[in-house]
């Protein structure tokens, strides 16, 4: 028996990988979603979501991806996850073209731009709004990349931009965008994602437990408050603390999680000394 069966869960409530089923619409996340959707729906061109590690940027990006994908008759959406900082402007431009559906058989940037423009015109004729989402955008660190993004944002008509970029990244993303001041000036909306307050943290934990299939409470109120204090309201840390707490309670054959377990596992995983 694992702890999921022991506590009556259908699925693991605090897994580390983003799972759109567990999205919690806190006031902070709700505001971010509304602003980003506004940029896309009004064809404003460029929006940036900035947040520290573990604040929920990836979860929001996946929530938006799910929404745009469900409206495939309106949106042509793609998601690029940047995994290292050595990519070139040419590579990014080609990936964008391919994600938009263009068949690109060249590495010549001028030709690739032509393919992108042709594909954007084709999508406009189909009355579809192209959206390119870039996660870990803080990995985009060259002025040349910023210049290419600005070039694509120059493709407009009377209704607005023919392509919309949503960038998700850590705080240095903003400084990287400033490498090309004209691009930085084109940011239509900038959202800074802050950690959750106590009320949202408590709601977040209870929400994930309920989605996982359990109705009864599992953490004492004092334990929940301590989780918020230790995690500082960051969803990734909350998940890590709660997952370890559930495992510890399962090992000790306890059905309810009190403050002592939270203190113990937080020391074990090195969050507090």
C-alpha atoms as a PDB file:
ATOM      1  CA  UNK A   1       0.000   0.000   0.000  1.00  0.00           C
ATOM      2  CA  UNK A   2       1.266   3.503  -0.838  1.00  0.00           C
ATOM      3  CA  UNK A   3       0.167   6.724   0.823  1.00  0.00           C
ATOM      4  CA  UNK A   4      -2.382   7.472  -1.907  1.00  0.00           C
ATOM      5  CA  UNK A   5      -4.381   4.382  -0.957  1.00  0.00           C
ATOM      6  CA  UNK A   6      -3.778   4.967   2.750  1.00  0.00           C
ATOM      7  CA  UNK A   7      -5.258   8.471   2.676  1.00  0.00           C
ATOM      8  CA  UNK A   8      -7.948   7.730   0.082  1.00  0.00           C
ATOM      9  CA  UNK A   9      -6.515   9.573  -2.913  1.00  0.00           C
ATOM     10  CA  UNK A  10      -7.250   8.619  -6.499  1.00  0.00           C
ATOM     11  CA  UNK A  11      -4.142  10.447  -7.702  1.00  0.00           C
ATOM     12  CA  UNK A  12      -1.118  11.951  -5.980  1.00  0.00           C
ATOM     13  CA  UNK A  13      -2.182  15.416  -4.754  1.00  0.00           C
ATOM     14  CA  UNK A  14       1.228  17.048  -4.531  1.00  0.00           C
ATOM     15  CA  UNK A  15       3.250  15.725  -7.454  1.00  0.00           C
ATOM     16  CA  UNK A  16       6.100  17.959  -8.606  1.00  0.00           C
ATOM     17  CA  UNK A  17       5.168  18.020 -12.304  1.00  0.00           C
ATOM     18  CA  UNK A  18       2.597  20.598 -13.481  1.00  0.00           C
ATOM     19  CA  UNK A  19      -0.866  19.092 -13.861  1.00  0.00           C
ATOM     20  CA  UNK A  20      -3.601  21.353 -15.171  1.00  0.00           C
ATOM     21  CA  UNK A  21      -6.216  19.342 -13.256  1.00  0.00           C
ATOM     22  CA  UNK A  22      -4.843  20.811 -10.028  1.00  0.00           C
ATOM     23  CA  UNK A  23      -4.863  24.427 -11.166  1.00  0.00           C
ATOM     24  CA  UNK A  24      -5.991  26.631  -8.277  1.00  0.00           C
ATOM     25  CA  UNK A  25      -7.518  29.930  -9.301  1.00  0.00           C
ATOM     26  CA  UNK A  26      -6.137  32.118  -6.529  1.00  0.00           C
ATOM     27  CA  UNK A  27      -6.707  35.886  -6.834  1.00  0.00           C
ATOM     28  CA  UNK A  28      -3.082  36.256  -7.967  1.00  0.00           C
ATOM     29  CA  UNK A  29      -3.309  33.577 -10.657  1.00  0.00           C
ATOM     30  CA  UNK A  30      -6.751  34.681 -11.779  1.00  0.00           C
ATOM     31  CA  UNK A  31      -5.541  38.242 -12.341  1.00  0.00           C
ATOM     32  CA  UNK A  32      -2.572  36.990 -14.337  1.00  0.00           C
ATOM     33  CA  UNK A  33      -4.770  34.821 -16.552  1.00  0.00           C
ATOM     34  CA  UNK A  34      -7.216  37.628 -17.264  1.00  0.00           C
ATOM     35  CA  UNK A  35      -4.438  40.001 -18.302  1.00  0.00           C
ATOM     36  CA  UNK A  36      -2.698  37.481 -20.541  1.00  0.00           C
ATOM     37  CA  UNK A  37      -5.961  36.476 -22.204  1.00  0.00           C
ATOM     38  CA  UNK A  38      -6.706  40.152 -22.837  1.00  0.00           C
ATOM     39  CA  UNK A  39      -3.449  40.566 -24.742  1.00  0.00           C
ATOM     40  CA  UNK A  40      -4.210  37.552 -26.931  1.00  0.00           C
ATOM     41  CA  UNK A  41      -7.851  38.340 -27.571  1.00  0.00           C
ATOM     42  CA  UNK A  42      -7.118  41.980 -28.388  1.00  0.00           C
ATOM     43  CA  UNK A  43      -4.044  41.087 -30.484  1.00  0.00           C
ATOM     44  CA  UNK A  44      -1.756  43.358 -28.462  1.00  0.00           C
ATOM     45  CA  UNK A  45       1.403  41.501 -29.475  1.00  0.00           C
ATOM     46  CA  UNK A  46       3.540  40.867 -26.393  1.00  0.00           C
ATOM     47  CA  UNK A  47       2.933  40.021 -22.746  1.00  0.00           C
ATOM     48  CA  UNK A  48       5.372  38.905 -20.078  1.00  0.00           C
ATOM     49  CA  UNK A  49       4.705  36.898 -16.916  1.00  0.00           C
ATOM     50  CA  UNK A  50       7.555  37.183 -14.440  1.00  0.00           C
ATOM     51  CA  UNK A  51       7.993  35.244 -11.221  1.00  0.00           C
ATOM     52  CA  UNK A  52      10.591  33.643  -9.001  1.00  0.00           C
ATOM     53  CA  UNK A  53      11.272  29.908  -9.034  1.00  0.00           C
ATOM     54  CA  UNK A  54       8.289  27.900  -7.841  1.00  0.00           C
ATOM     55  CA  UNK A  55       5.637  30.626  -7.963  1.00  0.00           C
ATOM     56  CA  UNK A  56       3.450  28.868 -10.551  1.00  0.00           C
ATOM     57  CA  UNK A  57       4.504  30.302 -13.927  1.00  0.00           C
ATOM     58  CA  UNK A  58       4.553  26.924 -15.628  1.00  0.00           C
ATOM     59  CA  UNK A  59       1.149  25.968 -14.246  1.00  0.00           C
ATOM     60  CA  UNK A  60      -0.362  29.162 -15.661  1.00  0.00           C
ATOM     61  CA  UNK A  61       1.278  28.543 -19.025  1.00  0.00           C
ATOM     62  CA  UNK A  62      -0.183  25.018 -19.123  1.00  0.00           C
ATOM     63  CA  UNK A  63      -3.610  26.307 -18.127  1.00  0.00           C
ATOM     64  CA  UNK A  64      -3.494  28.797 -20.995  1.00  0.00           C
ATOM     65  CA  UNK A  65      -2.219  26.148 -23.387  1.00  0.00           C
ATOM     66  CA  UNK A  66      -5.144  23.921 -22.466  1.00  0.00           C
ATOM     67  CA  UNK A  67      -7.594  26.786 -22.995  1.00  0.00           C
ATOM     68  CA  UNK A  68      -6.192  27.825 -26.371  1.00  0.00           C
ATOM     69  CA  UNK A  69      -6.021  24.198 -27.522  1.00  0.00           C
ATOM     70  CA  UNK A  70      -9.674  23.710 -26.629  1.00  0.00           C
ATOM     71  CA  UNK A  71     -10.493  26.712 -28.854  1.00  0.00           C
ATOM     72  CA  UNK A  72      -8.571  25.448 -31.874  1.00  0.00           C
ATOM     73  CA  UNK A  73     -11.052  27.012 -34.274  1.00  0.00           C
ATOM     74  CA  UNK A  74      -9.975  30.430 -32.972  1.00  0.00           C
ATOM     75  CA  UNK A  75      -6.368  30.058 -31.839  1.00  0.00           C
ATOM     76  CA  UNK A  76      -3.271  28.518 -33.377  1.00  0.00           C
ATOM     77  CA  UNK A  77      -1.186  27.937 -30.261  1.00  0.00           C
ATOM     78  CA  UNK A  78       2.283  26.564 -29.678  1.00  0.00           C
ATOM     79  CA  UNK A  79       4.480  26.223 -26.612  1.00  0.00           C
ATOM     80  CA  UNK A  80       8.261  26.435 -26.671  1.00  0.00           C
ATOM     81  CA  UNK A  81      10.180  25.469 -23.535  1.00  0.00           C
ATOM     82  CA  UNK A  82      13.708  26.862 -23.594  1.00  0.00           C
ATOM     83  CA  UNK A  83      16.058  24.441 -21.836  1.00  0.00           C
ATOM     84  CA  UNK A  84      19.411  26.211 -22.237  1.00  0.00           C
ATOM     85  CA  UNK A  85      20.775  29.663 -22.991  1.00  0.00           C
ATOM     86  CA  UNK A  86      22.936  28.819 -26.014  1.00  0.00           C
ATOM     87  CA  UNK A  87      20.190  28.869 -28.629  1.00  0.00           C
ATOM     88  CA  UNK A  88      20.584  31.257 -31.560  1.00  0.00           C
ATOM     89  CA  UNK A  89      18.163  33.728 -33.059  1.00  0.00           C
ATOM     90  CA  UNK A  90      18.075  31.623 -36.207  1.00  0.00           C
ATOM     91  CA  UNK A  91      17.154  28.472 -34.307  1.00  0.00           C
ATOM     92  CA  UNK A  92      14.351  30.249 -32.437  1.00  0.00           C
ATOM     93  CA  UNK A  93      13.009  31.841 -35.596  1.00  0.00           C
ATOM     94  CA  UNK A  94      12.924  28.475 -37.348  1.00  0.00           C
ATOM     95  CA  UNK A  95      11.195  26.815 -34.390  1.00  0.00           C
ATOM     96  CA  UNK A  96       8.531  29.517 -34.368  1.00  0.00           C
ATOM     97  CA  UNK A  97       7.953  29.034 -38.087  1.00  0.00           C
ATOM     98  CA  UNK A  98       7.600  25.269 -37.693  1.00  0.00           C
ATOM     99  CA  UNK A  99       5.298  25.645 -34.687  1.00  0.00           C
ATOM    100  CA  UNK A 100       3.063  27.906 -36.749  1.00  0.00           C
ATOM    101  CA  UNK A 101       2.767  25.132 -39.332  1.00  0.00           C
ATOM    102  CA  UNK A 102       5.220  26.356 -41.956  1.00  0.00           C
ATOM    103  CA  UNK A 103       7.341  23.801 -43.803  1.00  0.00           C
ATOM    104  CA  UNK A 104      10.831  25.245 -43.498  1.00  0.00           C
ATOM    105  CA  UNK A 105      13.735  23.631 -45.359  1.00  0.00           C
ATOM    106  CA  UNK A 106      16.339  26.367 -44.979  1.00  0.00           C
ATOM    107  CA  UNK A 107      18.443  28.009 -42.295  1.00  0.00           C
ATOM    108  CA  UNK A 108      18.517  31.359 -44.067  1.00  0.00           C
ATOM    109  CA  UNK A 109      16.849  33.846 -41.710  1.00  0.00           C
ATOM    110  CA  UNK A 110      15.450  36.034 -44.482  1.00  0.00           C
ATOM    111  CA  UNK A 111      13.808  33.013 -46.087  1.00  0.00           C
ATOM    112  CA  UNK A 112      12.481  31.827 -42.722  1.00  0.00           C
ATOM    113  CA  UNK A 113      10.908  35.228 -42.081  1.00  0.00           C
ATOM    114  CA  UNK A 114       9.226  34.890 -45.458  1.00  0.00           C
ATOM    115  CA  UNK A 115       7.801  31.526 -44.439  1.00  0.00           C
ATOM    116  CA  UNK A 116       6.541  33.010 -41.172  1.00  0.00           C
ATOM    117  CA  UNK A 117       4.882  35.937 -42.918  1.00  0.00           C
ATOM    118  CA  UNK A 118       3.237  33.618 -45.438  1.00  0.00           C
ATOM    119  CA  UNK A 119       1.941  31.353 -42.671  1.00  0.00           C
ATOM    120  CA  UNK A 120       0.644  34.278 -40.622  1.00  0.00           C
ATOM    121  CA  UNK A 121      -1.219  35.580 -43.670  1.00  0.00           C
ATOM    122  CA  UNK A 122      -2.676  32.115 -44.225  1.00  0.00           C
ATOM    123  CA  UNK A 123      -3.851  31.913 -40.609  1.00  0.00           C
ATOM    124  CA  UNK A 124      -5.385  35.377 -40.863  1.00  0.00           C
ATOM    125  CA  UNK A 125      -7.403  34.246 -43.857  1.00  0.00           C
ATOM    126  CA  UNK A 126      -8.659  31.355 -41.730  1.00  0.00           C
ATOM    127  CA  UNK A 127      -9.564  33.903 -39.005  1.00  0.00           C
ATOM    128  CA  UNK A 128      -7.222  32.237 -36.526  1.00  0.00           C
ATOM    129  CA  UNK A 129      -5.069  34.035 -33.958  1.00  0.00           C
ATOM    130  CA  UNK A 130      -1.521  32.688 -33.657  1.00  0.00           C
ATOM    131  CA  UNK A 131      -0.152  32.513 -30.121  1.00  0.00           C
ATOM    132  CA  UNK A 132       3.438  31.537 -29.346  1.00  0.00           C
ATOM    133  CA  UNK A 133       4.063  30.810 -25.677  1.00  0.00           C
ATOM    134  CA  UNK A 134       7.673  30.671 -24.503  1.00  0.00           C
ATOM    135  CA  UNK A 135       8.382  29.114 -21.105  1.00  0.00           C
ATOM    136  CA  UNK A 136      11.730  29.682 -19.350  1.00  0.00           C
ATOM    137  CA  UNK A 137      12.070  32.841 -21.442  1.00  0.00           C
ATOM    138  CA  UNK A 138      14.831  33.992 -19.085  1.00  0.00           C
ATOM    139  CA  UNK A 139      17.064  31.672 -21.142  1.00  0.00           C
ATOM    140  CA  UNK A 140      16.739  34.049 -24.107  1.00  0.00           C
ATOM    141  CA  UNK A 141      19.761  36.228 -23.465  1.00  0.00           C
ATOM    142  CA  UNK A 142      20.987  37.700 -26.743  1.00  0.00           C
ATOM    143  CA  UNK A 143      20.204  41.035 -28.323  1.00  0.00           C
ATOM    144  CA  UNK A 144      19.871  39.292 -31.685  1.00  0.00           C
ATOM    145  CA  UNK A 145      17.017  37.129 -30.395  1.00  0.00           C
ATOM    146  CA  UNK A 146      15.215  40.194 -29.079  1.00  0.00           C
ATOM    147  CA  UNK A 147      15.612  41.939 -32.421  1.00  0.00           C
ATOM    148  CA  UNK A 148      14.066  38.970 -34.253  1.00  0.00           C
ATOM    149  CA  UNK A 149      11.096  38.911 -31.886  1.00  0.00           C
ATOM    150  CA  UNK A 150      10.609  42.616 -32.474  1.00  0.00           C
ATOM    151  CA  UNK A 151      10.746  42.024 -36.213  1.00  0.00           C
ATOM    152  CA  UNK A 152       7.900  39.506 -35.993  1.00  0.00           C
ATOM    153  CA  UNK A 153       5.890  41.915 -33.869  1.00  0.00           C
ATOM    154  CA  UNK A 154       6.193  44.464 -36.663  1.00  0.00           C
ATOM    155  CA  UNK A 155       3.842  42.291 -38.735  1.00  0.00           C
ATOM    156  CA  UNK A 156       0.539  44.044 -38.134  1.00  0.00           C
ATOM    157  CA  UNK A 157      -2.692  44.996 -39.832  1.00  0.00           C
ATOM    158  CA  UNK A 158      -5.544  47.348 -38.942  1.00  0.00           C
ATOM    159  CA  UNK A 159      -6.806  44.934 -36.262  1.00  0.00           C
ATOM    160  CA  UNK A 160      -3.502  44.510 -34.457  1.00  0.00           C
ATOM    161  CA  UNK A 161      -0.546  42.132 -34.438  1.00  0.00           C
ATOM    162  CA  UNK A 162      -0.687  39.028 -36.609  1.00  0.00           C
ATOM    163  CA  UNK A 163       1.151  37.093 -33.906  1.00  0.00           C
ATOM    164  CA  UNK A 164       1.094  37.241 -30.104  1.00  0.00           C
ATOM    165  CA  UNK A 165       3.980  36.242 -27.846  1.00  0.00           C
ATOM    166  CA  UNK A 166       3.464  35.254 -24.218  1.00  0.00           C
ATOM    167  CA  UNK A 167       6.757  35.000 -22.349  1.00  0.00           C
ATOM    168  CA  UNK A 168       7.063  33.210 -19.002  1.00  0.00           C
ATOM    169  CA  UNK A 169      10.281  33.565 -17.053  1.00  0.00           C
ATOM    170  CA  UNK A 170      12.212  34.532 -13.974  1.00  0.00           C
ATOM    171  CA  UNK A 171      12.884  38.197 -13.120  1.00  0.00           C
ATOM    172  CA  UNK A 172      15.953  38.449 -15.369  1.00  0.00           C
ATOM    173  CA  UNK A 173      13.602  38.046 -18.343  1.00  0.00           C
ATOM    174  CA  UNK A 174      12.773  41.732 -18.082  1.00  0.00           C
ATOM    175  CA  UNK A 175      16.438  42.737 -18.175  1.00  0.00           C
ATOM    176  CA  UNK A 176      17.016  40.531 -21.214  1.00  0.00           C
ATOM    177  CA  UNK A 177      14.144  42.223 -23.033  1.00  0.00           C
ATOM    178  CA  UNK A 178      15.820  45.557 -22.363  1.00  0.00           C
ATOM    179  CA  UNK A 179      18.711  44.439 -24.582  1.00  0.00           C
ATOM    180  CA  UNK A 180      16.481  45.714 -27.371  1.00  0.00           C
ATOM    181  CA  UNK A 181      14.772  48.870 -26.014  1.00  0.00           C
ATOM    182  CA  UNK A 182      12.240  49.100 -28.890  1.00  0.00           C
ATOM    183  CA  UNK A 183      11.092  45.545 -28.067  1.00  0.00           C
ATOM    184  CA  UNK A 184      10.836  46.364 -24.367  1.00  0.00           C
ATOM    185  CA  UNK A 185       8.624  49.315 -25.246  1.00  0.00           C
ATOM    186  CA  UNK A 186       6.313  46.939 -27.116  1.00  0.00           C
ATOM    187  CA  UNK A 187       5.384  44.985 -23.984  1.00  0.00           C
ATOM    188  CA  UNK A 188       1.633  45.406 -23.779  1.00  0.00           C
ATOM    189  CA  UNK A 189       1.191  43.775 -20.367  1.00  0.00           C
ATOM    190  CA  UNK A 190       3.716  42.757 -17.735  1.00  0.00           C
ATOM    191  CA  UNK A 191       2.512  40.602 -14.850  1.00  0.00           C
ATOM    192  CA  UNK A 192       4.635  39.868 -11.802  1.00  0.00           C
ATOM    193  CA  UNK A 193       3.519  36.677 -10.094  1.00  0.00           C
ATOM    194  CA  UNK A 194       3.951  36.916  -6.334  1.00  0.00           C
ATOM    195  CA  UNK A 195       3.799  34.094  -3.752  1.00  0.00           C
ATOM    196  CA  UNK A 196       0.408  33.275  -2.277  1.00  0.00           C
ATOM    197  CA  UNK A 197      -0.820  34.789   0.965  1.00  0.00           C
ATOM    198  CA  UNK A 198      -1.977  32.649   3.894  1.00  0.00           C
ATOM    199  CA  UNK A 199      -5.593  32.427   2.755  1.00  0.00           C
ATOM    200  CA  UNK A 200      -4.631  31.341  -0.756  1.00  0.00           C
ATOM    201  CA  UNK A 201      -2.091  28.832   0.574  1.00  0.00           C
ATOM    202  CA  UNK A 202      -4.719  27.170   2.739  1.00  0.00           C
ATOM    203  CA  UNK A 203      -7.176  27.146  -0.144  1.00  0.00           C
ATOM    204  CA  UNK A 204      -4.525  25.749  -2.492  1.00  0.00           C
ATOM    205  CA  UNK A 205      -3.702  22.794  -0.226  1.00  0.00           C
ATOM    206  CA  UNK A 206      -7.347  21.948   0.461  1.00  0.00           C
ATOM    207  CA  UNK A 207      -8.151  22.262  -3.258  1.00  0.00           C
ATOM    208  CA  UNK A 208      -5.445  19.793  -4.291  1.00  0.00           C
ATOM    209  CA  UNK A 209      -6.548  17.299  -1.661  1.00  0.00           C
ATOM    210  CA  UNK A 210     -10.126  17.509  -2.896  1.00  0.00           C
ATOM    211  CA  UNK A 211      -9.144  17.125  -6.560  1.00  0.00           C
ATOM    212  CA  UNK A 212      -7.102  14.062  -5.578  1.00  0.00           C
ATOM    213  CA  UNK A 213     -10.290  12.459  -4.260  1.00  0.00           C
ATOM    214  CA  UNK A 214     -10.457  13.139  -0.521  1.00  0.00           C
ATOM    215  CA  UNK A 215     -13.151  15.263   1.112  1.00  0.00           C
ATOM    216  CA  UNK A 216     -12.062  15.065   4.767  1.00  0.00           C
ATOM    217  CA  UNK A 217      -9.495  17.446   6.226  1.00  0.00           C
ATOM    218  CA  UNK A 218      -5.983  16.066   6.554  1.00  0.00           C
ATOM    219  CA  UNK A 219      -3.848  18.884   7.990  1.00  0.00           C
ATOM    220  CA  UNK A 220      -4.465  20.730  11.236  1.00  0.00           C
ATOM    221  CA  UNK A 221      -4.931  24.490  10.918  1.00  0.00           C
ATOM    222  CA  UNK A 222      -1.654  25.076  12.742  1.00  0.00           C
ATOM    223  CA  UNK A 223       0.124  22.710  10.370  1.00  0.00           C
ATOM    224  CA  UNK A 224      -1.309  24.591   7.388  1.00  0.00           C
ATOM    225  CA  UNK A 225      -0.164  27.910   8.810  1.00  0.00           C
ATOM    226  CA  UNK A 226       3.334  26.523   9.354  1.00  0.00           C
ATOM    227  CA  UNK A 227       3.455  25.235   5.775  1.00  0.00           C
ATOM    228  CA  UNK A 228       2.681  28.737   4.552  1.00  0.00           C
ATOM    229  CA  UNK A 229       5.308  30.240   6.832  1.00  0.00           C
ATOM    230  CA  UNK A 230       8.037  27.834   5.730  1.00  0.00           C
ATOM    231  CA  UNK A 231       7.151  27.831   2.008  1.00  0.00           C
ATOM    232  CA  UNK A 232       6.573  31.594   1.913  1.00  0.00           C
ATOM    233  CA  UNK A 233       3.551  30.864  -0.271  1.00  0.00           C
ATOM    234  CA  UNK A 234       5.462  29.312  -3.198  1.00  0.00           C
ATOM    235  CA  UNK A 235       3.441  26.474  -4.757  1.00  0.00           C
ATOM    236  CA  UNK A 236       6.474  24.319  -5.577  1.00  0.00           C
ATOM    237  CA  UNK A 237       7.684  24.386  -1.977  1.00  0.00           C
ATOM    238  CA  UNK A 238       4.158  23.821  -0.675  1.00  0.00           C
ATOM    239  CA  UNK A 239       3.896  20.699  -2.827  1.00  0.00           C
ATOM    240  CA  UNK A 240       7.265  19.415  -1.631  1.00  0.00           C
ATOM    241  CA  UNK A 241       6.440  19.955   2.033  1.00  0.00           C
ATOM    242  CA  UNK A 242       2.979  18.396   1.763  1.00  0.00           C
ATOM    243  CA  UNK A 243       4.204  15.403  -0.232  1.00  0.00           C
ATOM    244  CA  UNK A 244       6.897  14.638   2.337  1.00  0.00           C
ATOM    245  CA  UNK A 245       4.456  15.189   5.195  1.00  0.00           C
ATOM    246  CA  UNK A 246       2.026  12.671   3.711  1.00  0.00           C
ATOM    247  CA  UNK A 247       4.806  10.146   3.282  1.00  0.00           C
ATOM    248  CA  UNK A 248       5.993  10.626   6.866  1.00  0.00           C
ATOM    249  CA  UNK A 249       2.461  10.281   8.232  1.00  0.00           C
ATOM    250  CA  UNK A 250       1.961   7.121   6.169  1.00  0.00           C
ATOM    251  CA  UNK A 251       5.187   5.598   7.521  1.00  0.00           C
ATOM    252  CA  UNK A 252       4.168   6.462  11.086  1.00  0.00           C
ATOM    253  CA  UNK A 253       0.621   5.154  10.472  1.00  0.00           C
ATOM    254  CA  UNK A 254      -0.956   8.478  11.386  1.00  0.00           C
ATOM    255  CA  UNK A 255      -4.202   9.644   9.826  1.00  0.00           C
ATOM    256  CA  UNK A 256      -3.834  13.360  10.540  1.00  0.00           C
ATOM    257  CA  UNK A 257      -0.904  15.706  10.045  1.00  0.00           C
ATOM    258  CA  UNK A 258       0.081  17.989  12.889  1.00  0.00           C
ATOM    259  CA  UNK A 259       2.777  20.630  13.340  1.00  0.00           C
ATOM    260  CA  UNK A 260       5.402  18.136  14.556  1.00  0.00           C
ATOM    261  CA  UNK A 261       5.432  16.320  11.210  1.00  0.00           C
ATOM    262  CA  UNK A 262       5.783  19.569   9.251  1.00  0.00           C
ATOM    263  CA  UNK A 263       8.725  20.622  11.420  1.00  0.00           C
ATOM    264  CA  UNK A 264      10.390  17.225  11.119  1.00  0.00           C
ATOM    265  CA  UNK A 265      10.175  16.821   7.358  1.00  0.00           C
ATOM    266  CA  UNK A 266      11.144  20.467   6.754  1.00  0.00           C
ATOM    267  CA  UNK A 267      14.353  19.768   8.651  1.00  0.00           C
ATOM    268  CA  UNK A 268      14.850  16.457   6.836  1.00  0.00           C
ATOM    269  CA  UNK A 269      14.670  18.041   3.372  1.00  0.00           C
ATOM    270  CA  UNK A 270      16.727  21.054   4.416  1.00  0.00           C
ATOM    271  CA  UNK A 271      14.123  23.802   4.190  1.00  0.00           C
ATOM    272  CA  UNK A 272      14.652  24.787   7.811  1.00  0.00           C
ATOM    273  CA  UNK A 273      17.561  24.036  10.119  1.00  0.00           C
END
